Amino acid sequence: AVLLCSALLRNEREGFPGRYYGTDIDPHAGYLLAPPYDSVGQILF
């Protein structure tokens, strides 16, 4: 998630915005997706 969002942040700086959605049944999943990377992504539990 954080790796893909880092790619999206670079894309955004180049004029190509995008959004990441991750899905997981574990409510504790995705702890690495934190600022600034969560500005372009979120987890759907």
All heavy atoms as atom14 arrays in JSON, in Angstrom:
{
  "sequence": "AVLLCSALLRNEREGFPGRYYGTDIDPHAGYLLAPPYDSVGQILF",
  "atom14_mask": [
    [1, 1, 1, 1, 1, 0, 0, 0, 0, 0, 0, 0, 0, 0],
    [1, 1, 1, 1, 1, 1, 1, 0, 0, 0, 0, 0, 0, 0],
    [1, 1, 1, 1, 1, 1, 1, 1, 0, 0, 0, 0, 0, 0],
    [1, 1, 1, 1, 1, 1, 1, 1, 0, 0, 0, 0, 0, 0],
    [1, 1, 1, 1, 1, 1, 0, 0, 0, 0, 0, 0, 0, 0],
    [1, 1, 1, 1, 1, 1, 0, 0, 0, 0, 0, 0, 0, 0],
    [1, 1, 1, 1, 1, 0, 0, 0, 0, 0, 0, 0, 0, 0],
    [1, 1, 1, 1, 1, 1, 1, 1, 0, 0, 0, 0, 0, 0],
    [1, 1, 1, 1, 1, 1, 1, 1, 0, 0, 0, 0, 0, 0],
    [1, 1, 1, 1, 1, 1, 1, 1, 1, 1, 1, 0, 0, 0],
    [1, 1, 1, 1, 1, 1, 1, 1, 0, 0, 0, 0, 0, 0],
    [1, 1, 1, 1, 1, 1, 1, 1, 1, 0, 0, 0, 0, 0],
    [1, 1, 1, 1, 1, 1, 1, 1, 1, 1, 1, 0, 0, 0],
    [1, 1, 1, 1, 1, 1, 1, 1, 1, 0, 0, 0, 0, 0],
    [1, 1, 1, 1, 0, 0, 0, 0, 0, 0, 0, 0, 0, 0],
    [1, 1, 1, 1, 1, 1, 1, 1, 1, 1, 1, 0, 0, 0],
    [1, 1, 1, 1, 1, 1, 1, 0, 0, 0, 0, 0, 0, 0],
    [1, 1, 1, 1, 0, 0, 0, 0, 0, 0, 0, 0, 0, 0],
    [1, 1, 1, 1, 1, 1, 1, 1, 1, 1, 1, 0, 0, 0],
    [1, 1, 1, 1, 1, 1, 1, 1, 1, 1, 1, 1, 0, 0],
    [1, 1, 1, 1, 1, 1, 1, 1, 1, 1, 1, 1, 0, 0],
    [1, 1, 1, 1, 0, 0, 0, 0, 0, 0, 0, 0, 0, 0],
    [1, 1, 1, 1, 1, 1, 1, 0, 0, 0, 0, 0, 0, 0],
    [1, 1, 1, 1, 1, 1, 1, 1, 0, 0, 0, 0, 0, 0],
    [1, 1, 1, 1, 1, 1, 1, 1, 0, 0, 0, 0, 0, 0],
    [1, 1, 1, 1, 1, 1, 1, 1, 0, 0, 0, 0, 0, 0],
    [1, 1, 1, 1, 1, 1, 1, 0, 0, 0, 0, 0, 0, 0],
    [1, 1, 1, 1, 1, 1, 1, 1, 1, 1, 0, 0, 0, 0],
    [1, 1, 1, 1, 1, 0, 0, 0, 0, 0, 0, 0, 0, 0],
    [1, 1, 1, 1, 0, 0, 0, 0, 0, 0, 0, 0, 0, 0],
    [1, 1, 1, 1, 1, 1, 1, 1, 1, 1, 1, 1, 0, 0],
    [1, 1, 1, 1, 1, 1, 1, 1, 0, 0, 0, 0, 0, 0],
    [1, 1, 1, 1, 1, 1, 1, 1, 0, 0, 0, 0, 0, 0],
    [1, 1, 1, 1, 1, 0, 0, 0, 0, 0, 0, 0, 0, 0],
    [1, 1, 1, 1, 1, 1, 1, 0, 0, 0, 0, 0, 0, 0],
    [1, 1, 1, 1, 1, 1, 1, 0, 0, 0, 0, 0, 0, 0],
    [1, 1, 1, 1, 1, 1, 1, 1, 1, 1, 1, 1, 0, 0],
    [1, 1, 1, 1, 1, 1, 1, 1, 0, 0, 0, 0, 0, 0],
    [1, 1, 1, 1, 1, 1, 0, 0, 0, 0, 0, 0, 0, 0],
    [1, 1, 1, 1, 1, 1, 1, 0, 0, 0, 0, 0, 0, 0],
    [1, 1, 1, 1, 0, 0, 0, 0, 0, 0, 0, 0, 0, 0],
    [1, 1, 1, 1, 1, 1, 1, 1, 1, 0, 0, 0, 0, 0],
    [1, 1, 1, 1, 1, 1, 1, 1, 0, 0, 0, 0, 0, 0],
    [1, 1, 1, 1, 1, 1, 1, 1, 0, 0, 0, 0, 0, 0],
    [1, 1, 1, 1, 1, 1, 1, 1, 1, 1, 1, 0, 0, 0]
  ],
  "atom14_positions": [
    [[0.82, -1.21, 0.0], [0.0, 0.0, 0.0], [0.86, 1.26, 0.0], [0.65, 2.17, -0.8], [-0.92, 0.0, 1.22], [0.0, 0.0, 0.0], [0.0, 0.0, 0.0], [0.0, 0.0, 0.0], [0.0, 0.0, 0.0], [0.0, 0.0, 0.0], [0.0, 0.0, 0.0], [0.0, 0.0, 0.0], [0.0, 0.0, 0.0], [0.0, 0.0, 0.0]],
    [[1.83, 1.32, 0.91], [2.66, 2.52, 0.99], [3.55, 2.65, -0.24], [3.82, 3.77, -0.71], [3.48, 2.51, 2.3], [4.6, 1.48, 2.26], [4.07, 3.89, 2.58], [0.0, 0.0, 0.0], [0.0, 0.0, 0.0], [0.0, 0.0, 0.0], [0.0, 0.0, 0.0], [0.0, 0.0, 0.0], [0.0, 0.0, 0.0], [0.0, 0.0, 0.0]],
    [[3.97, 1.54, -0.8], [4.79, 1.57, -2.01], [3.99, 2.11, -3.19], [4.46, 2.97, -3.95], [5.31, 0.16, -2.31], [6.24, 0.01, -3.51], [7.52, 0.81, -3.31], [6.56, -1.46, -3.75], [0.0, 0.0, 0.0], [0.0, 0.0, 0.0], [0.0, 0.0, 0.0], [0.0, 0.0, 0.0], [0.0, 0.0, 0.0], [0.0, 0.0, 0.0]],
    [[2.78, 1.62, -3.36], [1.93, 2.07, -4.46], [1.55, 3.54, -4.28], [1.49, 4.29, -5.26], [0.67, 1.2, -4.54], [0.91, -0.23, -5.03], [-0.3, -1.11, -4.72], [1.22, -0.25, -6.53], [0.0, 0.0, 0.0], [0.0, 0.0, 0.0], [0.0, 0.0, 0.0], [0.0, 0.0, 0.0], [0.0, 0.0, 0.0], [0.0, 0.0, 0.0]],
    [[1.3, 3.95, -3.04], [0.96, 5.35, -2.8], [2.15, 6.26, -3.04], [1.98, 7.42, -3.46], [0.41, 5.52, -1.39], [-1.29, 4.9, -1.2], [0.0, 0.0, 0.0], [0.0, 0.0, 0.0], [0.0, 0.0, 0.0], [0.0, 0.0, 0.0], [0.0, 0.0, 0.0], [0.0, 0.0, 0.0], [0.0, 0.0, 0.0], [0.0, 0.0, 0.0]],
    [[3.34, 5.77, -2.8], [4.52, 6.58, -3.12], [4.62, 6.79, -4.63], [5.02, 7.85, -5.1], [5.79, 5.93, -2.57], [6.14, 4.75, -3.28], [0.0, 0.0, 0.0], [0.0, 0.0, 0.0], [0.0, 0.0, 0.0], [0.0, 0.0, 0.0], [0.0, 0.0, 0.0], [0.0, 0.0, 0.0], [0.0, 0.0, 0.0], [0.0, 0.0, 0.0]],
    [[4.23, 5.76, -5.41], [4.19, 5.91, -6.87], [3.14, 6.93, -7.27], [3.37, 7.77, -8.16], [3.9, 4.56, -7.53], [0.0, 0.0, 0.0], [0.0, 0.0, 0.0], [0.0, 0.0, 0.0], [0.0, 0.0, 0.0], [0.0, 0.0, 0.0], [0.0, 0.0, 0.0], [0.0, 0.0, 0.0], [0.0, 0.0, 0.0], [0.0, 0.0, 0.0]],
    [[1.98, 6.9, -6.62], [0.91, 7.85, -6.94], [1.32, 9.28, -6.61], [0.96, 10.22, -7.33], [-0.37, 7.48, -6.18], [-1.08, 6.21, -6.65], [-2.29, 5.92, -5.78], [-1.49, 6.32, -8.11], [0.0, 0.0, 0.0], [0.0, 0.0, 0.0], [0.0, 0.0, 0.0], [0.0, 0.0, 0.0], [0.0, 0.0, 0.0], [0.0, 0.0, 0.0]],
    [[2.07, 9.46, -5.52], [2.53, 10.81, -5.17], [3.48, 11.34, -6.24], [3.43, 12.53, -6.6], [3.2, 10.79, -3.8], [2.26, 10.65, -2.6], [3.06, 10.48, -1.31], [1.33, 11.85, -2.49], [0.0, 0.0, 0.0], [0.0, 0.0, 0.0], [0.0, 0.0, 0.0], [0.0, 0.0, 0.0], [0.0, 0.0, 0.0], [0.0, 0.0, 0.0]],
    [[4.35, 10.49, -6.74], [5.25, 10.92, -7.82], [4.45, 11.24, -9.09], [4.73, 12.22, -9.78], [6.29, 9.84, -8.11], [7.39, 9.73, -7.06], [8.4, 8.68, -7.46], [9.42, 8.46, -6.45], [10.64, 8.99, -6.47], [10.97, 9.8, -7.45], [11.51, 8.73, -5.51], [0.0, 0.0, 0.0], [0.0, 0.0, 0.0], [0.0, 0.0, 0.0]],
    [[3.46, 10.39, -9.38], [2.62, 10.65, -10.55], [1.9, 11.99, -10.41], [1.78, 12.75, -11.38], [1.58, 9.54, -10.71], [2.19, 8.22, -11.13], [3.33, 8.16, -11.56], [1.42, 7.16, -11.01], [0.0, 0.0, 0.0], [0.0, 0.0, 0.0], [0.0, 0.0, 0.0], [0.0, 0.0, 0.0], [0.0, 0.0, 0.0], [0.0, 0.0, 0.0]],
    [[1.41, 12.27, -9.2], [0.69, 13.51, -8.96], [1.57, 14.72, -9.2], [1.14, 15.72, -9.78], [0.16, 13.5, -7.52], [-0.76, 14.67, -7.19], [-1.35, 14.52, -5.8], [-0.55, 14.56, -4.81], [-2.57, 14.36, -5.68], [0.0, 0.0, 0.0], [0.0, 0.0, 0.0], [0.0, 0.0, 0.0], [0.0, 0.0, 0.0], [0.0, 0.0, 0.0]],
    [[2.82, 14.64, -8.77], [3.75, 15.75, -8.98], [4.03, 15.96, -10.48], [4.43, 17.06, -10.88], [5.05, 15.51, -8.22], [4.9, 15.6, -6.71], [6.24, 15.71, -6.01], [7.01, 14.49, -6.08], [6.95, 13.51, -5.18], [6.13, 13.59, -4.15], [7.71, 12.43, -5.3], [0.0, 0.0, 0.0], [0.0, 0.0, 0.0], [0.0, 0.0, 0.0]],
    [[3.82, 14.92, -11.26], [4.04, 15.01, -12.7], [2.75, 15.37, -13.45], [2.72, 15.38, -14.69], [4.6, 13.69, -13.23], [5.99, 13.37, -12.68], [6.47, 11.98, -13.06], [5.73, 11.26, -13.77], [7.58, 11.61, -12.63], [0.0, 0.0, 0.0], [0.0, 0.0, 0.0], [0.0, 0.0, 0.0], [0.0, 0.0, 0.0], [0.0, 0.0, 0.0]],
    [[1.67, 15.62, -12.7], [0.42, 16.04, -13.31], [-0.58, 14.92, -13.57], [-1.54, 15.11, -14.32], [0.0, 0.0, 0.0], [0.0, 0.0, 0.0], [0.0, 0.0, 0.0], [0.0, 0.0, 0.0], [0.0, 0.0, 0.0], [0.0, 0.0, 0.0], [0.0, 0.0, 0.0], [0.0, 0.0, 0.0], [0.0, 0.0, 0.0], [0.0, 0.0, 0.0]],
    [[-0.37, 13.75, -12.93], [-1.27, 12.62, -13.13], [-1.78, 12.1, -11.78], [-1.25, 11.14, -11.23], [-0.55, 11.49, -13.87], [-0.06, 11.86, -15.23], [1.26, 12.23, -15.43], [-0.93, 11.87, -16.31], [1.71, 12.58, -16.69], [-0.48, 12.22, -17.58], [0.84, 12.58, -17.76], [0.0, 0.0, 0.0], [0.0, 0.0, 0.0], [0.0, 0.0, 0.0]],
    [[-2.8, 12.74, -11.22], [-3.32, 12.3, -9.92], [-3.99, 10.94, -9.99], [-4.52, 10.54, -11.03], [-4.33, 13.4, -9.56], [-4.77, 13.94, -10.88], [-3.55, 13.88, -11.77], [0.0, 0.0, 0.0], [0.0, 0.0, 0.0], [0.0, 0.0, 0.0], [0.0, 0.0, 0.0], [0.0, 0.0, 0.0], [0.0, 0.0, 0.0], [0.0, 0.0, 0.0]],
    [[-3.97, 10.21, -8.88], [-4.6, 8.9, -8.8], [-4.93, 8.58, -7.36], [-4.53, 9.29, -6.43], [0.0, 0.0, 0.0], [0.0, 0.0, 0.0], [0.0, 0.0, 0.0], [0.0, 0.0, 0.0], [0.0, 0.0, 0.0], [0.0, 0.0, 0.0], [0.0, 0.0, 0.0], [0.0, 0.0, 0.0], [0.0, 0.0, 0.0], [0.0, 0.0, 0.0]],
    [[-5.66, 7.49, -7.17], [-6.13, 7.11, -5.83], [-5.93, 5.62, -5.62], [-6.12, 4.82, -6.54], [-7.61, 7.46, -5.69], [-8.17, 7.31, -4.28], [-7.76, 8.45, -3.41], [-8.24, 8.28, -2.02], [-7.83, 9.04, -1.01], [-6.95, 10.01, -1.22], [-8.29, 8.83, 0.2], [0.0, 0.0, 0.0], [0.0, 0.0, 0.0], [0.0, 0.0, 0.0]],
    [[-5.52, 5.24, -4.41], [-5.33, 3.84, -4.03], [-6.4, 3.43, -3.02], [-6.72, 4.18, -2.09], [-3.95, 3.66, -3.38], [-3.79, 2.36, -2.61], [-3.3, 1.21, -3.22], [-4.14, 2.28, -1.26], [-3.17, 0.02, -2.52], [-4.01, 1.09, -0.54], [-3.52, -0.03, -1.18], [-3.39, -1.2, -0.47], [0.0, 0.0, 0.0], [0.0, 0.0, 0.0]],
    [[-6.96, 2.22, -3.23], [-7.87, 1.62, -2.26], [-7.37, 0.21, -1.95], [-7.19, -0.61, -2.86], [-9.3, 1.54, -2.8], [-9.94, 2.89, -3.01], [-9.93, 3.49, -4.26], [-10.55, 3.56, -1.95], [-10.5, 4.74, -4.47], [-11.13, 4.82, -2.15], [-11.1, 5.39, -3.4], [-11.67, 6.64, -3.59], [0.0, 0.0, 0.0], [0.0, 0.0, 0.0]],
    [[-7.14, -0.05, -0.68], [-6.79, -1.39, -0.24], [-7.94, -1.99, 0.53], [-8.69, -1.27, 1.19], [0.0, 0.0, 0.0], [0.0, 0.0, 0.0], [0.0, 0.0, 0.0], [0.0, 0.0, 0.0], [0.0, 0.0, 0.0], [0.0, 0.0, 0.0], [0.0, 0.0, 0.0], [0.0, 0.0, 0.0], [0.0, 0.0, 0.0], [0.0, 0.0, 0.0]],
    [[-8.12, -3.31, 0.44], [-9.19, -3.97, 1.19], [-8.58, -5.03, 2.1], [-7.63, -5.71, 1.72], [-10.22, -4.64, 0.27], [-9.63, -5.79, -0.36], [-10.68, -3.67, -0.81], [0.0, 0.0, 0.0], [0.0, 0.0, 0.0], [0.0, 0.0, 0.0], [0.0, 0.0, 0.0], [0.0, 0.0, 0.0], [0.0, 0.0, 0.0], [0.0, 0.0, 0.0]],
    [[-9.11, -5.13, 3.3], [-8.63, -6.15, 4.23], [-9.69, -6.38, 5.31], [-10.36, -5.44, 5.76], [-7.31, -5.73, 4.89], [-6.49, -6.93, 5.33], [-6.91, -7.63, 6.28], [-5.45, -7.2, 4.72], [0.0, 0.0, 0.0], [0.0, 0.0, 0.0], [0.0, 0.0, 0.0], [0.0, 0.0, 0.0], [0.0, 0.0, 0.0], [0.0, 0.0, 0.0]],
    [[-9.8, -7.62, 5.72], [-10.79, -7.98, 6.75], [-10.27, -7.7, 8.16], [-11.03, -7.6, 9.11], [-11.2, -9.46, 6.6], [-12.52, -9.73, 7.31], [-10.08, -10.39, 7.07], [-13.13, -11.07, 6.98], [0.0, 0.0, 0.0], [0.0, 0.0, 0.0], [0.0, 0.0, 0.0], [0.0, 0.0, 0.0], [0.0, 0.0, 0.0], [0.0, 0.0, 0.0]],
    [[-8.95, -7.54, 8.3], [-8.31, -7.28, 9.59], [-8.34, -5.78, 9.89], [-7.73, -4.99, 9.16], [-6.87, -7.78, 9.57], [-6.15, -7.58, 10.89], [-6.74, -7.0, 11.83], [-4.97, -7.99, 10.99], [0.0, 0.0, 0.0], [0.0, 0.0, 0.0], [0.0, 0.0, 0.0], [0.0, 0.0, 0.0], [0.0, 0.0, 0.0], [0.0, 0.0, 0.0]],
    [[-9.01, -5.35, 10.96], [-9.1, -3.91, 11.25], [-7.78, -3.28, 11.63], [-7.67, -2.05, 11.69], [-10.1, -3.85, 12.42], [-10.02, -5.2, 13.06], [-9.76, -6.16, 11.94], [0.0, 0.0, 0.0], [0.0, 0.0, 0.0], [0.0, 0.0, 0.0], [0.0, 0.0, 0.0], [0.0, 0.0, 0.0], [0.0, 0.0, 0.0], [0.0, 0.0, 0.0]],
    [[-6.75, -4.09, 11.89], [-5.43, -3.56, 12.25], [-4.49, -3.52, 11.05], [-3.33, -3.11, 11.19], [-4.8, -4.43, 13.34], [-5.61, -4.49, 14.6], [-5.77, -3.42, 15.45], [-6.33, -5.52, 15.14], [-6.53, -3.77, 16.46], [-6.88, -5.03, 16.3], [0.0, 0.0, 0.0], [0.0, 0.0, 0.0], [0.0, 0.0, 0.0], [0.0, 0.0, 0.0]],
    [[-4.97, -3.93, 9.89], [-4.1, -4.0, 8.71], [-3.77, -2.59, 8.2], [-4.47, -1.63, 8.46], [-4.79, -4.8, 7.6], [0.0, 0.0, 0.0], [0.0, 0.0, 0.0], [0.0, 0.0, 0.0], [0.0, 0.0, 0.0], [0.0, 0.0, 0.0], [0.0, 0.0, 0.0], [0.0, 0.0, 0.0], [0.0, 0.0, 0.0], [0.0, 0.0, 0.0]],
    [[-2.66, -2.52, 7.47], [-2.3, -1.28, 6.79], [-1.67, -0.21, 7.65], [-1.76, 0.97, 7.32], [0.0, 0.0, 0.0], [0.0, 0.0, 0.0], [0.0, 0.0, 0.0], [0.0, 0.0, 0.0], [0.0, 0.0, 0.0], [0.0, 0.0, 0.0], [0.0, 0.0, 0.0], [0.0, 0.0, 0.0], [0.0, 0.0, 0.0], [0.0, 0.0, 0.0]],
    [[-0.98, -0.61, 8.73], [-0.42, 0.41, 9.62], [0.7, 1.22, 8.97], [1.02, 2.34, 9.4], [0.07, -0.2, 10.94], [1.23, -1.17, 10.82], [2.54, -0.72, 10.72], [1.0, -2.54, 10.85], [3.59, -1.61, 10.64], [2.06, -3.44, 10.76], [3.35, -2.97, 10.67], [4.39, -3.85, 10.59], [0.0, 0.0, 0.0], [0.0, 0.0, 0.0]],
    [[1.29, 0.71, 7.89], [2.33, 1.48, 7.2], [1.76, 2.62, 6.35], [2.49, 3.55, 5.99], [3.16, 0.56, 6.29], [4.08, -0.44, 6.98], [4.78, -1.32, 5.94], [5.12, 0.27, 7.83], [0.0, 0.0, 0.0], [0.0, 0.0, 0.0], [0.0, 0.0, 0.0], [0.0, 0.0, 0.0], [0.0, 0.0, 0.0], [0.0, 0.0, 0.0]],
    [[0.48, 2.56, 6.04], [-0.15, 3.6, 5.23], [-0.5, 4.78, 6.13], [-1.61, 4.91, 6.65], [-1.39, 3.07, 4.51], [-2.03, 4.04, 3.51], [-1.04, 4.45, 2.43], [-3.26, 3.42, 2.87], [0.0, 0.0, 0.0], [0.0, 0.0, 0.0], [0.0, 0.0, 0.0], [0.0, 0.0, 0.0], [0.0, 0.0, 0.0], [0.0, 0.0, 0.0]],
    [[0.48, 5.63, 6.34], [0.37, 6.79, 7.22], [0.88, 8.01, 6.47], [1.41, 7.9, 5.36], [1.18, 6.54, 8.49], [0.0, 0.0, 0.0], [0.0, 0.0, 0.0], [0.0, 0.0, 0.0], [0.0, 0.0, 0.0], [0.0, 0.0, 0.0], [0.0, 0.0, 0.0], [0.0, 0.0, 0.0], [0.0, 0.0, 0.0], [0.0, 0.0, 0.0]],
    [[0.7, 9.22, 7.04], [1.16, 10.43, 6.35], [2.63, 10.34, 5.95], [3.43, 9.79, 6.69], [0.94, 11.53, 7.41], [-0.17, 11.0, 8.27], [0.06, 9.52, 8.33], [0.0, 0.0, 0.0], [0.0, 0.0, 0.0], [0.0, 0.0, 0.0], [0.0, 0.0, 0.0], [0.0, 0.0, 0.0], [0.0, 0.0, 0.0], [0.0, 0.0, 0.0]],
    [[2.97, 10.83, 4.76], [2.11, 11.56, 3.8], [1.43, 10.64, 2.79], [0.66, 11.11, 1.94], [3.14, 12.44, 3.07], [4.37, 11.59, 3.02], [4.39, 10.86, 4.34], [0.0, 0.0, 0.0], [0.0, 0.0, 0.0], [0.0, 0.0, 0.0], [0.0, 0.0, 0.0], [0.0, 0.0, 0.0], [0.0, 0.0, 0.0], [0.0, 0.0, 0.0]],
    [[1.68, 9.35, 2.88], [1.22, 8.42, 1.83], [-0.29, 8.21, 1.85], [-0.89, 7.92, 0.81], [1.98, 7.1, 1.95], [3.47, 7.31, 1.87], [4.25, 7.38, 3.03], [4.1, 7.51, 0.65], [5.62, 7.62, 2.97], [5.47, 7.76, 0.57], [6.22, 7.81, 1.74], [7.57, 8.07, 1.67], [0.0, 0.0, 0.0], [0.0, 0.0, 0.0]],
    [[-0.91, 8.38, 3.02], [-2.36, 8.19, 3.09], [-3.14, 9.34, 2.46], [-4.37, 9.29, 2.41], [-2.8, 7.95, 4.53], [-2.49, 9.12, 5.46], [-1.76, 10.05, 5.03], [-2.95, 9.1, 6.61], [0.0, 0.0, 0.0], [0.0, 0.0, 0.0], [0.0, 0.0, 0.0], [0.0, 0.0, 0.0], [0.0, 0.0, 0.0], [0.0, 0.0, 0.0]],
    [[-2.44, 10.37, 2.0], [-3.14, 11.46, 1.32], [-3.68, 11.03, -0.04], [-4.58, 11.69, -0.59], [-2.2, 12.66, 1.14], [-1.12, 12.34, 0.26], [0.0, 0.0, 0.0], [0.0, 0.0, 0.0], [0.0, 0.0, 0.0], [0.0, 0.0, 0.0], [0.0, 0.0, 0.0], [0.0, 0.0, 0.0], [0.0, 0.0, 0.0], [0.0, 0.0, 0.0]],
    [[-3.16, 9.93, -0.57], [-3.64, 9.43, -1.88], [-4.2, 8.01, -1.77], [-4.42, 7.36, -2.79], [-2.52, 9.48, -2.93], [-2.15, 10.91, -3.26], [-1.3, 8.69, -2.47], [0.0, 0.0, 0.0], [0.0, 0.0, 0.0], [0.0, 0.0, 0.0], [0.0, 0.0, 0.0], [0.0, 0.0, 0.0], [0.0, 0.0, 0.0], [0.0, 0.0, 0.0]],
    [[-4.41, 7.53, -0.55], [-4.9, 6.16, -0.41], [-5.61, 5.91, 0.91], [-5.44, 6.66, 1.87], [0.0, 0.0, 0.0], [0.0, 0.0, 0.0], [0.0, 0.0, 0.0], [0.0, 0.0, 0.0], [0.0, 0.0, 0.0], [0.0, 0.0, 0.0], [0.0, 0.0, 0.0], [0.0, 0.0, 0.0], [0.0, 0.0, 0.0], [0.0, 0.0, 0.0]],
    [[-6.4, 4.85, 0.94], [-7.11, 4.47, 2.15], [-7.4, 2.98, 2.14], [-7.38, 2.33, 1.09], [-8.41, 5.26, 2.3], [-9.46, 4.92, 1.26], [-10.69, 5.79, 1.36], [-10.78, 6.84, 0.71], [-11.64, 5.36, 2.18], [0.0, 0.0, 0.0], [0.0, 0.0, 0.0], [0.0, 0.0, 0.0], [0.0, 0.0, 0.0], [0.0, 0.0, 0.0]],
    [[-7.67, 2.44, 3.34], [-8.01, 1.02, 3.5], [-9.51, 0.89, 3.7], [-10.09, 1.6, 4.54], [-7.26, 0.4, 4.7], [-5.77, 0.72, 4.65], [-7.51, -1.1, 4.74], [-5.06, 0.19, 3.45], [0.0, 0.0, 0.0], [0.0, 0.0, 0.0], [0.0, 0.0, 0.0], [0.0, 0.0, 0.0], [0.0, 0.0, 0.0], [0.0, 0.0, 0.0]],
    [[-10.13, 0.0, 2.95], [-11.55, -0.34, 3.13], [-11.61, -1.64, 3.91], [-11.22, -2.69, 3.41], [-12.24, -0.48, 1.78], [-12.1, 0.7, 0.81], [-12.77, 0.37, -0.53], [-12.7, 1.97, 1.41], [0.0, 0.0, 0.0], [0.0, 0.0, 0.0], [0.0, 0.0, 0.0], [0.0, 0.0, 0.0], [0.0, 0.0, 0.0], [0.0, 0.0, 0.0]],
    [[-12.08, -1.58, 5.15], [-12.09, -2.77, 6.01], [-13.37, -3.57, 5.82], [-14.45, -3.02, 5.65], [-11.92, -2.35, 7.47], [-10.58, -1.72, 7.75], [-10.47, -0.36, 7.94], [-9.44, -2.5, 7.81], [-9.24, 0.23, 8.19], [-8.2, -1.93, 8.05], [-8.09, -0.56, 8.24], [0.0, 0.0, 0.0], [0.0, 0.0, 0.0], [0.0, 0.0, 0.0]]
  ]
}
